[in-house]
């Protein structure tokens, strides 16, 4: 791996710009890379796949980048459909064209489950993509309880994300030096943001609050398909 002069950060969340945990993580990393002199560009999968012209812009941006970073939310146990489609297009483009440099590829996954290990399958898919598309695998970072960040910049998320910022700091230092993400950064990122019991309690309270706002609080126990099953 060589020191990257340019980096492309692709946001895999379908939420509007500035509202996703995926973008919050990628934006922090982008700032750290910029401090090392790497010029960064951020693109969103939902926008880039909307028209053929925008997809072409994404493919060109990937080809120009010395470092490719994908930040995405976990959907059940895999990547969102739009992210899968984007990676398939990128791989097909690189396989069909002339040989390209093996730029490093870093994947950052976050999930709503309290435990970070739920991201393992999705990150394994990302590693397979890197091999198929001719990238150098720079590593995978997994974050659990991503809902606690809720799209806020890490600088505004409080002390609970201190180790998340530290992990991204270490990742940026390694990537800027042309090295893969160290195991210590992977371990830091996977540390729980809070106790699983507290996270689950807060999630349950939030769910009930939304149900009340939509007039469905007394219907949370409904089983409309029970008779058919």
C-alpha atoms as a PDB file:
ATOM      1  CA  UNK A   1       0.000   0.000   0.000  1.00  0.00           C
ATOM      2  CA  UNK A   2       1.171   3.512  -0.820  1.00  0.00           C
ATOM      3  CA  UNK A   3       0.335   6.811   0.856  1.00  0.00           C
ATOM      4  CA  UNK A   4      -3.028   8.014  -0.566  1.00  0.00           C
ATOM      5  CA  UNK A   5      -3.232  11.470  -2.068  1.00  0.00           C
ATOM      6  CA  UNK A   6      -6.978  11.190  -2.663  1.00  0.00           C
ATOM      7  CA  UNK A   7      -9.735   9.258  -0.920  1.00  0.00           C
ATOM      8  CA  UNK A   8     -13.335   8.499  -1.871  1.00  0.00           C
ATOM      9  CA  UNK A   9     -15.769   7.916   0.975  1.00  0.00           C
ATOM     10  CA  UNK A  10     -18.992   6.231  -0.158  1.00  0.00           C
ATOM     11  CA  UNK A  11     -21.961   6.452   2.215  1.00  0.00           C
ATOM     12  CA  UNK A  12     -24.174   3.374   2.048  1.00  0.00           C
ATOM     13  CA  UNK A  13     -27.095   4.711   4.086  1.00  0.00           C
ATOM     14  CA  UNK A  14     -30.266   5.739   2.254  1.00  0.00           C
ATOM     15  CA  UNK A  15     -30.968   8.464   4.827  1.00  0.00           C
ATOM     16  CA  UNK A  16     -30.689  12.087   3.679  1.00  0.00           C
ATOM     17  CA  UNK A  17     -27.171  13.568   3.801  1.00  0.00           C
ATOM     18  CA  UNK A  18     -26.082  14.484   7.310  1.00  0.00           C
ATOM     19  CA  UNK A  19     -28.555  12.185   9.082  1.00  0.00           C
ATOM     20  CA  UNK A  20     -26.888   8.777   9.199  1.00  0.00           C
ATOM     21  CA  UNK A  21     -24.436   7.148  11.571  1.00  0.00           C
ATOM     22  CA  UNK A  22     -22.576   5.850   8.518  1.00  0.00           C
ATOM     23  CA  UNK A  23     -21.911   9.411   7.373  1.00  0.00           C
ATOM     24  CA  UNK A  24     -20.960  10.508  10.888  1.00  0.00           C
ATOM     25  CA  UNK A  25     -18.249   7.830  10.993  1.00  0.00           C
ATOM     26  CA  UNK A  26     -17.044   8.541   7.460  1.00  0.00           C
ATOM     27  CA  UNK A  27     -16.984  12.298   8.023  1.00  0.00           C
ATOM     28  CA  UNK A  28     -14.819  11.958  11.102  1.00  0.00           C
ATOM     29  CA  UNK A  29     -12.398   9.710   9.229  1.00  0.00           C
ATOM     30  CA  UNK A  30     -12.359  12.154   6.309  1.00  0.00           C
ATOM     31  CA  UNK A  31     -11.345  14.959   8.654  1.00  0.00           C
ATOM     32  CA  UNK A  32      -8.488  12.921  10.055  1.00  0.00           C
ATOM     33  CA  UNK A  33      -7.289  11.971   6.566  1.00  0.00           C
ATOM     34  CA  UNK A  34      -7.411  15.604   5.498  1.00  0.00           C
ATOM     35  CA  UNK A  35      -5.173  16.468   8.438  1.00  0.00           C
ATOM     36  CA  UNK A  36      -2.588  14.141   6.900  1.00  0.00           C
ATOM     37  CA  UNK A  37      -2.871  15.874   3.522  1.00  0.00           C
ATOM     38  CA  UNK A  38      -5.257  13.463   1.785  1.00  0.00           C
ATOM     39  CA  UNK A  39      -7.930  15.153  -0.350  1.00  0.00           C
ATOM     40  CA  UNK A  40     -11.308  13.524   0.277  1.00  0.00           C
ATOM     41  CA  UNK A  41     -14.545  13.251  -1.687  1.00  0.00           C
ATOM     42  CA  UNK A  42     -17.815  11.995  -0.215  1.00  0.00           C
ATOM     43  CA  UNK A  43     -20.584  10.419  -2.290  1.00  0.00           C
ATOM     44  CA  UNK A  44     -23.897   8.763  -1.374  1.00  0.00           C
ATOM     45  CA  UNK A  45     -25.033   5.451  -2.845  1.00  0.00           C
ATOM     46  CA  UNK A  46     -28.694   6.485  -2.954  1.00  0.00           C
ATOM     47  CA  UNK A  47     -27.888   9.496  -5.122  1.00  0.00           C
ATOM     48  CA  UNK A  48     -25.186   7.845  -7.208  1.00  0.00           C
ATOM     49  CA  UNK A  49     -27.430   5.027  -8.422  1.00  0.00           C
ATOM     50  CA  UNK A  50     -30.383   7.282  -9.241  1.00  0.00           C
ATOM     51  CA  UNK A  51     -29.385   7.846 -12.886  1.00  0.00           C
ATOM     52  CA  UNK A  52     -26.875   6.253 -15.284  1.00  0.00           C
ATOM     53  CA  UNK A  53     -24.964   9.551 -15.437  1.00  0.00           C
ATOM     54  CA  UNK A  54     -24.518   9.669 -11.679  1.00  0.00           C
ATOM     55  CA  UNK A  55     -23.495   6.022 -11.603  1.00  0.00           C
ATOM     56  CA  UNK A  56     -20.863   6.847 -14.183  1.00  0.00           C
ATOM     57  CA  UNK A  57     -19.598   9.652 -11.951  1.00  0.00           C
ATOM     58  CA  UNK A  58     -19.284   7.195  -9.070  1.00  0.00           C
ATOM     59  CA  UNK A  59     -17.340   4.695 -11.162  1.00  0.00           C
ATOM     60  CA  UNK A  60     -14.971   7.416 -12.337  1.00  0.00           C
ATOM     61  CA  UNK A  61     -14.499   8.662  -8.774  1.00  0.00           C
ATOM     62  CA  UNK A  62     -13.612   5.150  -7.619  1.00  0.00           C
ATOM     63  CA  UNK A  63     -11.042   4.815 -10.386  1.00  0.00           C
ATOM     64  CA  UNK A  64      -9.432   8.152  -9.494  1.00  0.00           C
ATOM     65  CA  UNK A  65      -9.183   7.510  -5.765  1.00  0.00           C
ATOM     66  CA  UNK A  66      -6.009   6.273  -4.085  1.00  0.00           C
ATOM     67  CA  UNK A  67      -8.143   5.058  -1.155  1.00  0.00           C
ATOM     68  CA  UNK A  68     -11.723   3.772  -1.229  1.00  0.00           C
ATOM     69  CA  UNK A  69     -13.784   3.800   1.980  1.00  0.00           C
ATOM     70  CA  UNK A  70     -17.306   2.387   2.286  1.00  0.00           C
ATOM     71  CA  UNK A  71     -19.410   3.209   5.359  1.00  0.00           C
ATOM     72  CA  UNK A  72     -22.770   1.473   5.607  1.00  0.00           C
ATOM     73  CA  UNK A  73     -25.506   0.303   8.003  1.00  0.00           C
ATOM     74  CA  UNK A  74     -26.196  -3.382   8.499  1.00  0.00           C
ATOM     75  CA  UNK A  75     -29.492  -4.637   7.079  1.00  0.00           C
ATOM     76  CA  UNK A  76     -30.320  -7.823   9.034  1.00  0.00           C
ATOM     77  CA  UNK A  77     -26.911  -9.462   8.503  1.00  0.00           C
ATOM     78  CA  UNK A  78     -25.765  -8.091   5.158  1.00  0.00           C
ATOM     79  CA  UNK A  79     -25.256  -4.952   3.105  1.00  0.00           C
ATOM     80  CA  UNK A  80     -28.181  -2.770   1.957  1.00  0.00           C
ATOM     81  CA  UNK A  81     -29.432  -3.595  -1.533  1.00  0.00           C
ATOM     82  CA  UNK A  82     -28.218  -0.313  -3.025  1.00  0.00           C
ATOM     83  CA  UNK A  83     -24.746  -0.892  -1.588  1.00  0.00           C
ATOM     84  CA  UNK A  84     -24.641  -4.382  -3.072  1.00  0.00           C
ATOM     85  CA  UNK A  85     -25.700  -2.991  -6.437  1.00  0.00           C
ATOM     86  CA  UNK A  86     -23.009  -0.309  -6.267  1.00  0.00           C
ATOM     87  CA  UNK A  87     -20.274  -2.813  -5.419  1.00  0.00           C
ATOM     88  CA  UNK A  88     -21.427  -5.102  -8.223  1.00  0.00           C
ATOM     89  CA  UNK A  89     -21.199  -2.226 -10.709  1.00  0.00           C
ATOM     90  CA  UNK A  90     -17.755  -1.238  -9.442  1.00  0.00           C
ATOM     91  CA  UNK A  91     -16.464  -4.813  -9.614  1.00  0.00           C
ATOM     92  CA  UNK A  92     -17.861  -5.332 -13.118  1.00  0.00           C
ATOM     93  CA  UNK A  93     -16.279  -2.088 -14.338  1.00  0.00           C
ATOM     94  CA  UNK A  94     -12.873  -2.966 -12.923  1.00  0.00           C
ATOM     95  CA  UNK A  95     -12.976  -6.545 -14.183  1.00  0.00           C
ATOM     96  CA  UNK A  96     -13.915  -5.477 -17.709  1.00  0.00           C
ATOM     97  CA  UNK A  97     -11.371  -2.689 -18.103  1.00  0.00           C
ATOM     98  CA  UNK A  98      -7.580  -2.594 -18.211  1.00  0.00           C
ATOM     99  CA  UNK A  99      -5.643  -3.502 -15.052  1.00  0.00           C
ATOM    100  CA  UNK A 100      -5.785  -0.837 -12.368  1.00  0.00           C
ATOM    101  CA  UNK A 101      -3.714  -0.160  -9.308  1.00  0.00           C
ATOM    102  CA  UNK A 102      -4.779  -2.113  -6.231  1.00  0.00           C
ATOM    103  CA  UNK A 103      -5.938   0.851  -4.152  1.00  0.00           C
ATOM    104  CA  UNK A 104      -6.715   0.063  -0.501  1.00  0.00           C
ATOM    105  CA  UNK A 105     -10.356  -0.508   0.420  1.00  0.00           C
ATOM    106  CA  UNK A 106     -11.703  -0.005   3.962  1.00  0.00           C
ATOM    107  CA  UNK A 107     -15.205  -1.003   5.044  1.00  0.00           C
ATOM    108  CA  UNK A 108     -16.951   0.518   8.083  1.00  0.00           C
ATOM    109  CA  UNK A 109     -20.151  -1.218   9.187  1.00  0.00           C
ATOM    110  CA  UNK A 110     -22.550  -0.171  11.925  1.00  0.00           C
ATOM    111  CA  UNK A 111     -25.581  -2.029  13.191  1.00  0.00           C
ATOM    112  CA  UNK A 112     -28.515  -1.408  15.493  1.00  0.00           C
ATOM    113  CA  UNK A 113     -27.767  -4.518  17.533  1.00  0.00           C
ATOM    114  CA  UNK A 114     -25.829  -3.886  20.755  1.00  0.00           C
ATOM    115  CA  UNK A 115     -23.028  -6.253  19.725  1.00  0.00           C
ATOM    116  CA  UNK A 116     -20.601  -5.370  16.934  1.00  0.00           C
ATOM    117  CA  UNK A 117     -20.040  -8.997  15.891  1.00  0.00           C
ATOM    118  CA  UNK A 118     -23.317  -8.967  13.940  1.00  0.00           C
ATOM    119  CA  UNK A 119     -21.401  -7.045  11.239  1.00  0.00           C
ATOM    120  CA  UNK A 120     -18.983  -9.936  10.621  1.00  0.00           C
ATOM    121  CA  UNK A 121     -20.800 -11.472   7.658  1.00  0.00           C
ATOM    122  CA  UNK A 122     -21.226  -8.118   5.908  1.00  0.00           C
ATOM    123  CA  UNK A 123     -17.544  -7.289   6.361  1.00  0.00           C
ATOM    124  CA  UNK A 124     -16.591 -10.708   4.991  1.00  0.00           C
ATOM    125  CA  UNK A 125     -18.650  -9.858   1.891  1.00  0.00           C
ATOM    126  CA  UNK A 126     -16.755  -6.573   1.612  1.00  0.00           C
ATOM    127  CA  UNK A 127     -13.449  -8.407   1.801  1.00  0.00           C
ATOM    128  CA  UNK A 128     -14.576 -10.727  -0.991  1.00  0.00           C
ATOM    129  CA  UNK A 129     -15.563  -7.682  -3.049  1.00  0.00           C
ATOM    130  CA  UNK A 130     -12.083  -6.224  -2.571  1.00  0.00           C
ATOM    131  CA  UNK A 131     -10.509  -9.397  -3.938  1.00  0.00           C
ATOM    132  CA  UNK A 132     -12.917  -9.614  -6.879  1.00  0.00           C
ATOM    133  CA  UNK A 133     -12.556  -5.939  -7.821  1.00  0.00           C
ATOM    134  CA  UNK A 134      -8.782  -5.757  -7.503  1.00  0.00           C
ATOM    135  CA  UNK A 135      -8.524  -3.661  -4.339  1.00  0.00           C
ATOM    136  CA  UNK A 136      -6.143  -4.196  -1.456  1.00  0.00           C
ATOM    137  CA  UNK A 137      -8.091  -5.078   1.681  1.00  0.00           C
ATOM    138  CA  UNK A 138      -7.250  -2.430   4.261  1.00  0.00           C
ATOM    139  CA  UNK A 139      -9.556  -3.870   6.921  1.00  0.00           C
ATOM    140  CA  UNK A 140     -13.068  -3.752   8.312  1.00  0.00           C
ATOM    141  CA  UNK A 141     -14.331  -1.742  11.279  1.00  0.00           C
ATOM    142  CA  UNK A 142     -17.502  -2.874  13.050  1.00  0.00           C
ATOM    143  CA  UNK A 143     -19.642  -0.763  15.376  1.00  0.00           C
ATOM    144  CA  UNK A 144     -22.564  -2.002  17.438  1.00  0.00           C
ATOM    145  CA  UNK A 145     -25.413   0.083  18.866  1.00  0.00           C
ATOM    146  CA  UNK A 146     -25.106   2.553  16.011  1.00  0.00           C
ATOM    147  CA  UNK A 147     -28.531   3.917  16.855  1.00  0.00           C
ATOM    148  CA  UNK A 148     -27.025   5.617  19.892  1.00  0.00           C
ATOM    149  CA  UNK A 149     -25.035   7.867  17.554  1.00  0.00           C
ATOM    150  CA  UNK A 150     -28.137   8.573  15.490  1.00  0.00           C
ATOM    151  CA  UNK A 151     -26.318  10.513  12.792  1.00  0.00           C
ATOM    152  CA  UNK A 152     -24.739  13.082  15.106  1.00  0.00           C
ATOM    153  CA  UNK A 153     -21.157  14.198  14.456  1.00  0.00           C
ATOM    154  CA  UNK A 154     -18.859  12.287  16.780  1.00  0.00           C
ATOM    155  CA  UNK A 155     -17.789  15.577  18.333  1.00  0.00           C
ATOM    156  CA  UNK A 156     -21.380  16.019  19.562  1.00  0.00           C
ATOM    157  CA  UNK A 157     -22.079  12.435  20.640  1.00  0.00           C
ATOM    158  CA  UNK A 158     -20.334  12.672  23.997  1.00  0.00           C
ATOM    159  CA  UNK A 159     -17.929  10.441  25.856  1.00  0.00           C
ATOM    160  CA  UNK A 160     -19.601   7.203  24.800  1.00  0.00           C
ATOM    161  CA  UNK A 161     -17.939   7.482  21.357  1.00  0.00           C
ATOM    162  CA  UNK A 162     -14.479   8.276  22.702  1.00  0.00           C
ATOM    163  CA  UNK A 163     -13.154   4.862  21.716  1.00  0.00           C
ATOM    164  CA  UNK A 164     -14.858   5.132  18.312  1.00  0.00           C
ATOM    165  CA  UNK A 165     -12.978   8.352  17.594  1.00  0.00           C
ATOM    166  CA  UNK A 166      -9.760   6.758  18.843  1.00  0.00           C
ATOM    167  CA  UNK A 167     -10.280   3.813  16.492  1.00  0.00           C
ATOM    168  CA  UNK A 168     -10.808   6.108  13.522  1.00  0.00           C
ATOM    169  CA  UNK A 169      -7.768   8.173  14.550  1.00  0.00           C
ATOM    170  CA  UNK A 170      -5.632   5.026  14.457  1.00  0.00           C
ATOM    171  CA  UNK A 171      -7.182   3.957  11.165  1.00  0.00           C
ATOM    172  CA  UNK A 172      -6.435   7.331   9.562  1.00  0.00           C
ATOM    173  CA  UNK A 173      -2.833   7.269  10.800  1.00  0.00           C
ATOM    174  CA  UNK A 174      -2.296   3.815   9.342  1.00  0.00           C
ATOM    175  CA  UNK A 175      -3.992   4.574   6.016  1.00  0.00           C
ATOM    176  CA  UNK A 176      -2.073   7.834   5.623  1.00  0.00           C
ATOM    177  CA  UNK A 177       1.138   5.839   6.069  1.00  0.00           C
ATOM    178  CA  UNK A 178       0.072   3.328   3.432  1.00  0.00           C
ATOM    179  CA  UNK A 179      -0.687   0.618   5.996  1.00  0.00           C
ATOM    180  CA  UNK A 180      -3.812  -1.465   6.722  1.00  0.00           C
ATOM    181  CA  UNK A 181      -5.969  -0.665   9.719  1.00  0.00           C
ATOM    182  CA  UNK A 182      -4.327  -2.109  12.857  1.00  0.00           C
ATOM    183  CA  UNK A 183      -5.971  -4.786  14.976  1.00  0.00           C
ATOM    184  CA  UNK A 184      -6.082  -2.374  17.924  1.00  0.00           C
ATOM    185  CA  UNK A 185      -8.340  -0.016  15.957  1.00  0.00           C
ATOM    186  CA  UNK A 186     -10.640  -2.916  15.044  1.00  0.00           C
ATOM    187  CA  UNK A 187     -10.883  -3.902  18.707  1.00  0.00           C
ATOM    188  CA  UNK A 188     -11.521  -0.324  19.835  1.00  0.00           C
ATOM    189  CA  UNK A 189     -14.312   0.180  17.331  1.00  0.00           C
ATOM    190  CA  UNK A 190     -16.075  -3.017  18.418  1.00  0.00           C
ATOM    191  CA  UNK A 191     -16.242  -2.043  22.088  1.00  0.00           C
ATOM    192  CA  UNK A 192     -19.838  -1.474  23.307  1.00  0.00           C
ATOM    193  CA  UNK A 193     -21.025   2.125  23.428  1.00  0.00           C
ATOM    194  CA  UNK A 194     -23.044   1.271  26.546  1.00  0.00           C
ATOM    195  CA  UNK A 195     -24.329  -1.784  28.361  1.00  0.00           C
ATOM    196  CA  UNK A 196     -26.582  -3.951  26.137  1.00  0.00           C
ATOM    197  CA  UNK A 197     -29.313  -3.847  28.804  1.00  0.00           C
ATOM    198  CA  UNK A 198     -29.355  -0.033  28.856  1.00  0.00           C
ATOM    199  CA  UNK A 199     -29.265   0.168  25.055  1.00  0.00           C
ATOM    200  CA  UNK A 200     -32.165  -2.284  24.750  1.00  0.00           C
ATOM    201  CA  UNK A 201     -34.161  -0.384  27.387  1.00  0.00           C
ATOM    202  CA  UNK A 202     -33.646   2.910  25.595  1.00  0.00           C
ATOM    203  CA  UNK A 203     -34.563   1.329  22.275  1.00  0.00           C
ATOM    204  CA  UNK A 204     -37.766  -0.095  23.737  1.00  0.00           C
ATOM    205  CA  UNK A 205     -38.683   3.284  25.181  1.00  0.00           C
ATOM    206  CA  UNK A 206     -38.057   4.945  21.830  1.00  0.00           C
ATOM    207  CA  UNK A 207     -40.195   2.345  20.064  1.00  0.00           C
ATOM    208  CA  UNK A 208     -43.088   2.912  22.465  1.00  0.00           C
ATOM    209  CA  UNK A 209     -42.764   6.676  22.115  1.00  0.00           C
ATOM    210  CA  UNK A 210     -43.041   6.397  18.336  1.00  0.00           C
ATOM    211  CA  UNK A 211     -46.031   4.089  18.680  1.00  0.00           C
ATOM    212  CA  UNK A 212     -47.740   6.605  20.955  1.00  0.00           C
ATOM    213  CA  UNK A 213     -47.049   9.446  18.516  1.00  0.00           C
ATOM    214  CA  UNK A 214     -48.718   7.437  15.743  1.00  0.00           C
ATOM    215  CA  UNK A 215     -51.652   6.256  17.853  1.00  0.00           C
ATOM    216  CA  UNK A 216     -50.510   2.627  17.879  1.00  0.00           C
ATOM    217  CA  UNK A 217     -49.342   2.206  21.477  1.00  0.00           C
ATOM    218  CA  UNK A 218     -52.201  -0.145  22.371  1.00  0.00           C
ATOM    219  CA  UNK A 219     -51.673  -2.202  19.211  1.00  0.00           C
ATOM    220  CA  UNK A 220     -48.054  -3.254  19.675  1.00  0.00           C
ATOM    221  CA  UNK A 221     -49.178  -6.755  20.646  1.00  0.00           C
ATOM    222  CA  UNK A 222     -51.434  -7.245  17.605  1.00  0.00           C
ATOM    223  CA  UNK A 223     -50.894 -10.399  15.562  1.00  0.00           C
ATOM    224  CA  UNK A 224     -52.925  -9.822  12.383  1.00  0.00           C
ATOM    225  CA  UNK A 225     -51.549 -12.893  10.602  1.00  0.00           C
ATOM    226  CA  UNK A 226     -51.775 -15.325  13.517  1.00  0.00           C
ATOM    227  CA  UNK A 227     -55.005 -16.911  12.260  1.00  0.00           C
ATOM    228  CA  UNK A 228     -53.555 -17.596   8.804  1.00  0.00           C
ATOM    229  CA  UNK A 229     -50.413 -19.214  10.193  1.00  0.00           C
END
